[in-house]
């Protein structure tokens, strides 16, 4: 084995004549080719900075074009396009937010995976679309090839004679984990899986005594809010119904459960609202409408995990400061103060939406910590709500930061990141002297510290998969 090129993202593809490799740069959203000898590296084009830095690439059978995919960060757009190596012309082949892995066959077909519609979003099937390999123009409409429940696909390809397809068949599981924080929060002891059902689960908050975890789950075919004690397995609903409900958290005085909800109208979410309900029970009350709908984020164009985006909200741990709502309005994230009973207050700040992927409010309500998933940088920005100078913290050299949450004492942040050798859960104090608390297998999300700082809940996604070969002749 020998190194061909540095700074290459996974998913590189070998040309049909085995003379070139097409690949994406890790450090910048660009697509390049290079000879298999390592000679003649050539930049083809740049990808939009608003797109997910996806690694899916392929060659047309004649080697004159490449195919590449791109997805929006919000997960509501996904396309497969061709690039003519001689003219530089780009042509749209397919636009479908549920599409994923793909390959091109010599007999003129685009084979691709497609996620099923709700409530079967954890399954995908294979589809085909006829394509003129000389012009990249498609013909007819997509045709479904398989009907396999519980399947997801990666690394899709075909043999040279198009007679067989090969792929990795995957299963993903999102679960809540809980561990004990010891030594002033610098050590996570006994992290254990907390939710065992085969649903998508992720933690959002805690009861005021720090003994019960609030979490979202799609076990009722759409997201609802549930609770489970740290000691015990009894799962009880906090908020359920026909609406989509997310982000269950306590009000600062501990009297109200606050959450975001969207009524479903003809299969699509209607106008969202911030909602409150008394913890001891009683009627649900709308606080005020909110802009937008926080979609499930796609960590790649196939796998959707927990909901991220805007609107979102956070509250201080005590009624010493207002809660804060974030909404995306005209490519800006707008932060607004609010009271759970009185509604909206003053606007606090506006930040370019491209500048942040995650944020959290400090326990005293004075600081908004925010950051973004970047290839080469790992900074957390602290924005003062009280008019103090802003400051930045570096996460000890880690990049690809995914989420952050304040410790209950406000002296540090719990941060998750993506890494090729296991996703880290980090403790990042305000001086930046970062410590590793836990390393997950695939993807970590939503750390939430309990009141008093005894426990830390977090979400982890794991995967398993096997390689398959399928006789393609019987599918035509």
Protein backbone atom coordinates (compact mmCIF):
# COMPACT_ATOMS: atom_id res chain seq x y z
CA UNK A 1 0.00 0.00 0.00
CA UNK A 2 1.12 3.55 -0.65
CA UNK A 3 -0.31 6.97 -0.04
CA UNK A 4 -1.75 8.66 -3.13
CA UNK A 5 -2.88 12.03 -1.74
CA UNK A 6 -3.34 13.82 1.58
CA UNK A 7 -6.42 15.67 2.81
CA UNK A 8 -8.96 13.32 1.20
CA UNK A 9 -12.42 12.61 2.58
CA UNK A 10 -13.82 9.06 2.59
CA UNK A 11 -15.84 8.02 -0.45
CA UNK A 12 -13.26 8.48 -3.18
CA UNK A 13 -14.12 6.67 -6.44
CA UNK A 14 -11.90 4.98 -9.03
CA UNK A 15 -12.51 5.74 -12.71
CA UNK A 16 -13.70 2.90 -15.01
CA UNK A 17 -10.26 2.64 -16.69
CA UNK A 18 -8.61 2.71 -13.22
CA UNK A 19 -6.40 5.66 -14.14
CA UNK A 20 -7.95 8.40 -11.94
CA UNK A 21 -9.53 8.91 -8.55
CA UNK A 22 -12.20 11.50 -7.81
CA UNK A 23 -12.31 12.67 -4.19
CA UNK A 24 -13.37 15.46 -1.87
CA UNK A 25 -10.98 17.49 0.21
CA UNK A 26 -11.34 17.19 3.98
CA UNK A 27 -10.25 20.74 4.76
CA UNK A 28 -12.40 22.53 2.21
CA UNK A 29 -15.65 21.75 0.30
CA UNK A 30 -13.99 20.98 -3.04
CA UNK A 31 -13.99 18.04 -5.47
CA UNK A 32 -10.70 17.00 -7.11
CA UNK A 33 -9.27 14.31 -9.36
CA UNK A 34 -5.81 12.79 -9.20
CA UNK A 35 -3.97 10.11 -11.16
CA UNK A 36 -3.71 6.77 -9.38
CA UNK A 37 0.05 7.38 -9.37
CA UNK A 38 -0.54 10.49 -7.24
CA UNK A 39 0.35 12.80 -10.15
CA UNK A 40 -1.64 15.65 -11.69
CA UNK A 41 -4.03 16.63 -8.88
CA UNK A 42 -6.74 18.82 -10.37
CA UNK A 43 -9.46 20.83 -8.67
CA UNK A 44 -12.80 20.44 -10.45
CA UNK A 45 -15.09 22.78 -8.52
CA UNK A 46 -16.19 23.97 -5.07
CA UNK A 47 -19.33 22.90 -3.21
CA UNK A 48 -21.71 25.46 -1.75
CA UNK A 49 -20.71 26.27 1.86
CA UNK A 50 -24.36 25.85 2.84
CA UNK A 51 -24.28 22.17 1.82
CA UNK A 52 -23.36 19.16 3.92
CA UNK A 53 -19.82 18.06 3.05
CA UNK A 54 -20.95 14.71 1.63
CA UNK A 55 -18.62 12.01 0.34
CA UNK A 56 -20.80 10.25 -2.25
CA UNK A 57 -19.12 10.26 -5.65
CA UNK A 58 -19.28 8.09 -8.77
CA UNK A 59 -18.20 7.85 -12.39
CA UNK A 60 -20.23 7.53 -15.54
CA UNK A 61 -19.29 4.25 -17.26
CA UNK A 62 -17.47 6.04 -20.11
CA UNK A 63 -15.33 8.02 -17.64
CA UNK A 64 -16.27 11.39 -19.18
CA UNK A 65 -18.45 12.55 -16.32
CA UNK A 66 -18.58 12.18 -12.58
CA UNK A 67 -21.69 12.09 -10.42
CA UNK A 68 -21.79 13.77 -7.02
CA UNK A 69 -24.37 14.44 -4.35
CA UNK A 70 -25.07 17.41 -2.10
CA UNK A 71 -27.48 17.97 0.77
CA UNK A 72 -28.62 21.09 2.59
CA UNK A 73 -27.69 21.38 6.25
CA UNK A 74 -31.38 21.50 7.13
CA UNK A 75 -31.90 18.12 5.47
CA UNK A 76 -34.76 19.32 3.26
CA UNK A 77 -32.79 19.24 -0.01
CA UNK A 78 -30.69 16.49 -1.60
CA UNK A 79 -29.58 16.23 -5.20
CA UNK A 80 -27.45 14.05 -7.46
CA UNK A 81 -25.72 15.91 -10.29
CA UNK A 82 -23.28 15.17 -13.10
CA UNK A 83 -20.12 17.11 -13.95
CA UNK A 84 -18.70 16.97 -17.48
CA UNK A 85 -14.90 16.72 -17.16
CA UNK A 86 -14.26 18.33 -20.54
CA UNK A 87 -16.75 21.23 -20.51
CA UNK A 88 -17.20 21.81 -16.77
CA UNK A 89 -20.98 21.74 -17.23
CA UNK A 90 -23.11 20.55 -14.30
CA UNK A 91 -26.45 18.82 -14.91
CA UNK A 92 -29.12 17.96 -12.35
CA UNK A 93 -29.99 14.25 -12.42
CA UNK A 94 -32.24 13.84 -9.39
CA UNK A 95 -33.63 16.08 -6.66
CA UNK A 96 -35.21 14.19 -3.76
CA UNK A 97 -34.70 14.96 -0.04
CA UNK A 98 -35.16 11.25 0.77
CA UNK A 99 -32.52 9.93 -1.65
CA UNK A 100 -29.13 8.64 -0.50
CA UNK A 101 -26.51 6.22 -1.83
CA UNK A 102 -26.36 5.82 -5.61
CA UNK A 103 -24.51 4.21 -8.52
CA UNK A 104 -24.66 4.33 -12.32
CA UNK A 105 -24.87 1.12 -14.35
CA UNK A 106 -23.54 0.47 -17.86
CA UNK A 107 -27.04 -0.30 -19.12
CA UNK A 108 -28.14 3.30 -18.41
CA UNK A 109 -29.73 3.36 -14.97
CA UNK A 110 -29.27 5.43 -11.85
CA UNK A 111 -29.79 3.06 -8.91
CA UNK A 112 -30.32 4.85 -5.61
CA UNK A 113 -31.64 4.31 -2.11
CA UNK A 114 -34.63 6.29 -0.87
CA UNK A 115 -35.96 6.67 2.67
CA UNK A 116 -39.59 5.69 3.15
CA UNK A 117 -42.21 8.28 4.03
CA UNK A 118 -43.36 8.74 7.64
CA UNK A 119 -43.87 6.80 9.82
CA UNK A 120 -41.36 4.39 8.21
CA UNK A 121 -38.45 6.82 8.05
CA UNK A 122 -36.01 4.25 9.46
CA UNK A 123 -36.31 2.11 6.31
CA UNK A 124 -35.07 2.71 2.78
CA UNK A 125 -35.50 0.85 -0.48
CA UNK A 126 -33.75 0.78 -3.84
CA UNK A 127 -35.12 2.73 -6.81
CA UNK A 128 -34.00 3.16 -10.41
CA UNK A 129 -34.22 5.96 -12.95
CA UNK A 130 -33.34 5.62 -16.64
CA UNK A 131 -30.55 7.94 -17.78
CA UNK A 132 -28.81 8.75 -21.07
CA UNK A 133 -25.16 8.18 -20.15
CA UNK A 134 -23.94 10.54 -22.91
CA UNK A 135 -25.99 13.59 -21.89
CA UNK A 136 -26.93 12.81 -18.24
CA UNK A 137 -30.58 13.44 -19.16
CA UNK A 138 -33.12 11.22 -17.41
CA UNK A 139 -36.12 9.47 -18.96
CA UNK A 140 -39.43 8.47 -17.41
CA UNK A 141 -40.11 8.39 -13.70
CA UNK A 142 -38.31 6.59 -10.86
CA UNK A 143 -39.28 2.95 -10.33
CA UNK A 144 -39.15 1.11 -7.02
CA UNK A 145 -36.99 -2.04 -7.02
CA UNK A 146 -37.21 -3.45 -3.48
CA UNK A 147 -39.59 -3.61 -0.54
CA UNK A 148 -37.42 -4.51 2.45
CA UNK A 149 -38.54 -3.12 5.84
CA UNK A 150 -35.82 -2.15 8.28
CA UNK A 151 -33.07 -1.64 5.69
CA UNK A 152 -30.72 1.26 5.07
CA UNK A 153 -28.08 1.28 2.34
CA UNK A 154 -24.51 2.47 1.98
CA UNK A 155 -21.64 1.94 -0.50
CA UNK A 156 -24.02 1.07 -3.34
CA UNK A 157 -22.41 -0.12 -6.57
CA UNK A 158 -22.77 -2.53 -9.50
CA UNK A 159 -20.59 -5.01 -11.34
CA UNK A 160 -19.15 -4.04 -14.72
CA UNK A 161 -21.83 -5.97 -16.63
CA UNK A 162 -24.66 -4.49 -14.46
CA UNK A 163 -25.79 -8.00 -13.51
CA UNK A 164 -25.28 -7.58 -9.76
CA UNK A 165 -25.62 -4.84 -7.20
CA UNK A 166 -23.52 -4.71 -4.06
CA UNK A 167 -24.11 -2.59 -0.95
CA UNK A 168 -23.84 -2.44 2.82
CA UNK A 169 -27.14 -2.99 4.59
CA UNK A 170 -27.26 -0.92 7.79
CA UNK A 171 -29.25 -0.46 10.96
CA UNK A 172 -28.97 2.60 13.19
CA UNK A 173 -30.17 2.99 16.76
CA UNK A 174 -30.47 6.19 18.78
CA UNK A 175 -30.49 5.67 22.54
CA UNK A 176 -30.30 7.72 25.72
CA UNK A 177 -27.33 7.13 28.02
CA UNK A 178 -26.84 8.32 31.61
CA UNK A 179 -23.62 8.53 33.65
CA UNK A 180 -22.60 9.91 37.04
CA UNK A 181 -20.44 13.03 37.15
CA UNK A 182 -17.66 12.78 39.71
CA UNK A 183 -14.61 14.80 40.78
CA UNK A 184 -16.35 18.15 40.18
CA UNK A 185 -17.69 17.00 36.83
CA UNK A 186 -14.29 16.03 35.43
CA UNK A 187 -15.04 12.30 35.30
CA UNK A 188 -18.03 10.39 33.94
CA UNK A 189 -18.54 7.18 35.91
CA UNK A 190 -20.66 4.19 34.90
CA UNK A 191 -22.17 5.52 31.65
CA UNK A 192 -24.96 3.11 30.79
CA UNK A 193 -27.61 2.75 28.15
CA UNK A 194 -30.84 4.17 29.54
CA UNK A 195 -33.41 3.49 26.78
CA UNK A 196 -33.63 0.01 25.28
CA UNK A 197 -36.56 0.22 22.87
CA UNK A 198 -35.93 0.24 19.12
CA UNK A 199 -36.95 3.86 18.67
CA UNK A 200 -35.18 7.12 18.03
CA UNK A 201 -34.67 8.60 21.50
CA UNK A 202 -32.74 11.66 22.63
CA UNK A 203 -32.64 13.51 25.99
CA UNK A 204 -33.83 17.10 26.41
CA UNK A 205 -34.15 17.88 30.13
CA UNK A 206 -34.46 16.82 33.77
CA UNK A 207 -36.95 17.00 36.61
CA UNK A 208 -36.20 19.63 39.27
CA UNK A 209 -34.87 17.00 41.71
CA UNK A 210 -32.45 15.61 39.10
CA UNK A 211 -33.85 12.08 39.36
CA UNK A 212 -35.91 11.84 36.14
CA UNK A 213 -34.83 12.31 32.52
CA UNK A 214 -37.11 13.96 29.94
CA UNK A 215 -36.58 12.66 26.43
CA UNK A 216 -38.09 12.71 22.97
CA UNK A 217 -39.10 9.49 21.25
CA UNK A 218 -40.90 8.52 18.06
CA UNK A 219 -42.46 5.40 19.60
CA UNK A 220 -45.94 6.76 18.85
CA UNK A 221 -45.03 7.14 15.13
CA UNK A 222 -44.13 10.79 15.65
CA UNK A 223 -42.12 12.69 18.23
CA UNK A 224 -43.58 12.94 21.73
CA UNK A 225 -42.13 13.69 25.17
CA UNK A 226 -41.58 11.04 27.83
CA UNK A 227 -39.94 10.71 31.24
CA UNK A 228 -38.04 7.91 32.95
CA UNK A 229 -36.44 7.81 36.42
CA UNK A 230 -32.69 7.31 36.69
CA UNK A 231 -33.37 4.28 38.85
CA UNK A 232 -36.01 2.18 37.10
CA UNK A 233 -37.35 1.32 33.66
CA UNK A 234 -40.87 2.79 33.81
CA UNK A 235 -41.42 5.14 30.86
CA UNK A 236 -44.31 7.58 31.29
CA UNK A 237 -45.65 10.10 28.77
CA UNK A 238 -45.24 13.78 29.59
CA UNK A 239 -46.90 15.12 26.46
CA UNK A 240 -48.53 13.02 23.74
CA UNK A 241 -51.22 13.46 21.12
CA UNK A 242 -51.61 14.09 17.41
CA UNK A 243 -49.22 17.07 17.33
CA UNK A 244 -45.48 16.70 16.98
CA UNK A 245 -43.93 17.61 20.33
CA UNK A 246 -40.26 18.22 21.03
CA UNK A 247 -37.75 19.68 23.47
CA UNK A 248 -39.49 19.12 26.81
CA UNK A 249 -37.85 21.27 29.51
CA UNK A 250 -38.80 22.75 32.87
CA UNK A 251 -39.58 26.43 33.38
CA UNK A 252 -37.12 28.18 35.74
CA UNK A 253 -39.52 27.90 38.70
CA UNK A 254 -40.05 24.19 38.04
CA UNK A 255 -43.85 24.53 37.82
CA UNK A 256 -44.31 24.17 34.05
CA UNK A 257 -43.28 21.76 31.36
CA UNK A 258 -42.39 23.82 28.29
CA UNK A 259 -42.10 22.32 24.81
CA UNK A 260 -42.44 23.06 21.10
CA UNK A 261 -45.36 21.60 19.15
CA UNK A 262 -46.59 21.54 15.57
CA UNK A 263 -50.10 20.41 14.57
CA UNK A 264 -50.02 18.01 11.62
CA UNK A 265 -52.02 19.26 8.63
CA UNK A 266 -52.36 16.94 5.60
CA UNK A 267 -49.18 15.15 6.63
CA UNK A 268 -47.16 18.36 7.03
CA UNK A 269 -46.43 20.40 10.16
CA UNK A 270 -48.51 23.55 10.57
CA UNK A 271 -47.57 26.71 12.46
CA UNK A 272 -45.46 25.90 15.50
CA UNK A 273 -45.98 27.18 19.00
CA UNK A 274 -44.32 27.21 22.37
CA UNK A 275 -46.59 25.33 24.76
CA UNK A 276 -46.81 24.98 28.54
CA UNK A 277 -48.46 22.44 30.82
CA UNK A 278 -48.41 22.17 34.61
CA UNK A 279 -46.21 19.40 35.91
CA UNK A 280 -48.98 18.17 38.20
CA UNK A 281 -51.37 17.95 35.24
CA UNK A 282 -54.04 20.16 33.74
CA UNK A 283 -54.90 21.79 30.42
CA UNK A 284 -52.24 22.46 27.82
CA UNK A 285 -51.79 26.17 27.05
CA UNK A 286 -50.21 27.85 24.04
CA UNK A 287 -47.68 30.54 25.01
CA UNK A 288 -46.97 32.08 21.58
CA UNK A 289 -46.42 31.02 17.94
CA UNK A 290 -42.90 30.29 16.70
CA UNK A 291 -41.36 30.55 13.27
CA UNK A 292 -40.16 27.48 11.41
CA UNK A 293 -39.90 23.76 12.03
CA UNK A 294 -36.79 22.05 13.42
CA UNK A 295 -36.20 19.11 11.10
CA UNK A 296 -34.28 15.94 11.74
CA UNK A 297 -30.67 16.62 10.94
CA UNK A 298 -28.97 14.35 8.37
CA UNK A 299 -25.44 13.51 9.41
CA UNK A 300 -25.10 12.14 5.92
CA UNK A 301 -27.66 12.14 3.08
CA UNK A 302 -29.12 8.84 4.26
CA UNK A 303 -29.19 8.80 8.04
CA UNK A 304 -31.52 11.16 9.90
CA UNK A 305 -31.04 11.49 13.63
CA UNK A 306 -32.58 13.75 16.25
CA UNK A 307 -34.22 17.06 15.45
CA UNK A 308 -31.97 20.09 15.20
CA UNK A 309 -32.40 23.58 13.87
CA UNK A 310 -34.78 26.37 14.74
CA UNK A 311 -36.95 27.15 16.58
CA UNK A 312 -35.35 25.99 19.83
CA UNK A 313 -35.39 27.34 23.37
CA UNK A 314 -33.52 27.19 26.67
CA UNK A 315 -34.25 28.43 30.20
CA UNK A 316 -31.99 29.30 33.15
CA UNK A 317 -32.02 26.89 36.08
CA UNK A 318 -33.53 29.50 38.44
CA UNK A 319 -36.01 32.38 37.82
CA UNK A 320 -33.23 34.98 37.80
CA UNK A 321 -33.29 35.73 34.05
CA UNK A 322 -35.64 35.21 31.12
CA UNK A 323 -35.75 32.13 28.91
CA UNK A 324 -34.36 32.44 25.36
CA UNK A 325 -35.90 31.37 22.04
CA UNK A 326 -34.01 30.99 18.75
CA UNK A 327 -35.71 31.25 15.35
CA UNK A 328 -34.25 31.33 11.84
CA UNK A 329 -35.56 34.37 9.96
CA UNK A 330 -34.15 35.45 6.59
CA UNK A 331 -30.87 33.52 6.98
CA UNK A 332 -30.33 34.83 10.50
CA UNK A 333 -30.80 33.16 13.86
CA UNK A 334 -32.77 35.57 16.04
CA UNK A 335 -32.54 35.19 19.83
CA UNK A 336 -35.51 36.54 21.81
CA UNK A 337 -36.12 36.65 25.56
CA UNK A 338 -39.44 35.31 26.82
CA UNK A 339 -41.35 34.56 30.00
CA UNK A 340 -43.29 31.25 30.24
CA UNK A 341 -46.41 33.13 31.42
CA UNK A 342 -46.10 36.58 29.85
CA UNK A 343 -44.72 35.59 26.44
CA UNK A 344 -42.15 37.30 24.24
CA UNK A 345 -39.90 40.05 25.55
CA UNK A 346 -37.01 41.89 23.88
CA UNK A 347 -34.88 40.66 21.00
CA UNK A 348 -31.40 39.83 22.29
CA UNK A 349 -29.20 39.20 19.26
CA UNK A 350 -29.03 38.18 15.61
CA UNK A 351 -26.35 35.89 14.17
CA UNK A 352 -25.88 34.65 10.60
CA UNK A 353 -27.45 31.20 10.34
CA UNK A 354 -24.31 29.92 8.61
CA UNK A 355 -22.32 30.75 11.76
CA UNK A 356 -23.90 28.29 14.16
CA UNK A 357 -25.23 24.74 14.30
CA UNK A 358 -25.82 24.53 18.06
CA UNK A 359 -26.29 26.74 21.12
CA UNK A 360 -27.15 26.63 24.83
CA UNK A 361 -28.00 29.11 27.61
CA UNK A 362 -25.92 29.24 30.80
CA UNK A 363 -27.64 28.27 34.08
CA UNK A 364 -27.67 31.90 35.23
CA UNK A 365 -29.10 33.09 31.90
CA UNK A 366 -26.17 35.43 31.22
CA UNK A 367 -24.37 33.69 28.36
CA UNK A 368 -25.33 32.05 25.08
CA UNK A 369 -22.72 29.52 24.00
CA UNK A 370 -22.82 28.67 20.29
CA UNK A 371 -20.69 27.09 17.58
CA UNK A 372 -20.73 25.25 14.28
CA UNK A 373 -19.45 22.01 12.81
CA UNK A 374 -16.22 22.97 11.05
CA UNK A 375 -13.61 20.80 9.42
CA UNK A 376 -10.54 22.61 10.73
CA UNK A 377 -11.69 24.59 13.76
CA UNK A 378 -13.34 23.85 17.09
CA UNK A 379 -14.36 27.12 18.70
CA UNK A 380 -17.24 27.84 21.06
CA UNK A 381 -18.35 31.45 21.14
CA UNK A 382 -19.80 33.02 24.28
CA UNK A 383 -22.30 35.82 23.63
CA UNK A 384 -23.24 37.89 26.67
CA UNK A 385 -26.93 38.54 27.26
CA UNK A 386 -26.01 41.05 29.99
CA UNK A 387 -23.85 43.31 27.81
CA UNK A 388 -20.44 41.93 28.79
CA UNK A 389 -17.66 41.47 26.19
CA UNK A 390 -17.96 38.32 24.11
CA UNK A 391 -15.26 35.63 24.31
CA UNK A 392 -14.22 32.41 22.58
CA UNK A 393 -13.14 29.00 23.89
CA UNK A 394 -11.22 26.40 21.92
CA UNK A 395 -12.18 22.79 22.54
CA UNK A 396 -8.68 21.49 23.08
CA UNK A 397 -7.87 20.99 19.40
CA UNK A 398 -11.05 19.03 18.62
CA UNK A 399 -12.97 19.94 15.45
CA UNK A 400 -16.33 18.88 13.96
CA UNK A 401 -18.18 20.05 17.07
CA UNK A 402 -21.80 18.81 17.05
CA UNK A 403 -23.52 20.01 20.26
CA UNK A 404 -22.82 21.73 23.56
CA UNK A 405 -24.55 22.10 26.92
CA UNK A 406 -23.60 24.03 30.04
CA UNK A 407 -22.62 22.25 33.25
CA UNK A 408 -25.03 22.94 36.11
CA UNK A 409 -22.46 25.18 37.86
CA UNK A 410 -21.79 27.25 34.71
CA UNK A 411 -18.04 26.59 34.89
CA UNK A 412 -17.76 24.33 31.85
CA UNK A 413 -19.55 23.01 28.77
CA UNK A 414 -20.19 19.41 27.79
CA UNK A 415 -19.43 19.13 24.08
CA UNK A 416 -19.87 16.36 21.53
CA UNK A 417 -17.88 16.10 18.31
CA UNK A 418 -17.47 13.81 15.33
CA UNK A 419 -14.26 11.84 14.86
CA UNK A 420 -13.36 8.95 12.59
CA UNK A 421 -12.12 6.80 15.50
CA UNK A 422 -15.10 7.24 17.80
CA UNK A 423 -17.18 10.27 18.73
CA UNK A 424 -15.92 12.10 21.84
CA UNK A 425 -17.93 13.54 24.72
CA UNK A 426 -15.81 16.35 26.15
CA UNK A 427 -15.78 18.62 29.18
CA UNK A 428 -14.59 22.06 28.05
CA UNK A 429 -14.00 24.47 30.98
CA UNK A 430 -13.93 28.19 30.35
CA UNK A 431 -10.12 28.14 30.22
CA UNK A 432 -10.23 25.62 27.36
CA UNK A 433 -8.37 22.82 29.19
CA UNK A 434 -10.48 20.09 27.62
CA UNK A 435 -10.97 16.61 29.07
CA UNK A 436 -12.33 13.47 27.42
CA UNK A 437 -15.24 11.99 29.40
CA UNK A 438 -16.48 9.26 27.06
CA UNK A 439 -15.95 7.99 23.54
CA UNK A 440 -18.93 6.72 21.59
CA UNK A 441 -18.97 4.47 18.56
CA UNK A 442 -20.58 6.64 15.89
CA UNK A 443 -22.36 9.87 16.79
CA UNK A 444 -23.05 11.71 20.06
CA UNK A 445 -25.72 14.33 20.69
CA UNK A 446 -27.63 16.42 23.22
CA UNK A 447 -25.67 16.25 26.48
CA UNK A 448 -27.91 17.49 29.34
CA UNK A 449 -26.62 17.87 32.92
CA UNK A 450 -29.00 17.26 35.82
CA UNK A 451 -29.74 20.00 38.38
CA UNK A 452 -27.01 19.83 40.98
CA UNK A 453 -24.61 18.24 38.47
CA UNK A 454 -24.83 14.64 39.70
CA UNK A 455 -25.77 13.06 36.36
CA UNK A 456 -25.20 13.66 32.67
CA UNK A 457 -27.64 12.35 30.06
CA UNK A 458 -26.66 12.20 26.39
CA UNK A 459 -27.72 10.57 23.16
CA UNK A 460 -25.64 8.11 21.19
CA UNK A 461 -26.23 6.59 17.79
CA UNK A 462 -24.72 3.20 17.00
CA UNK A 463 -24.72 1.23 13.76
CA UNK A 464 -24.26 -2.29 12.53
CA UNK A 465 -24.07 -3.50 8.96
CA UNK A 466 -23.18 -6.31 6.59
CA UNK A 467 -22.16 -6.46 2.93
CA UNK A 468 -24.67 -7.92 0.47
CA UNK A 469 -24.74 -8.87 -3.22
CA UNK A 470 -28.03 -8.85 -5.13
CA UNK A 471 -28.82 -10.32 -8.53
CA UNK A 472 -29.77 -7.22 -10.47
CA UNK A 473 -31.18 -9.09 -13.49
CA UNK A 474 -34.28 -10.13 -11.58
CA UNK A 475 -35.03 -6.51 -10.65
CA UNK A 476 -35.23 -5.13 -14.21
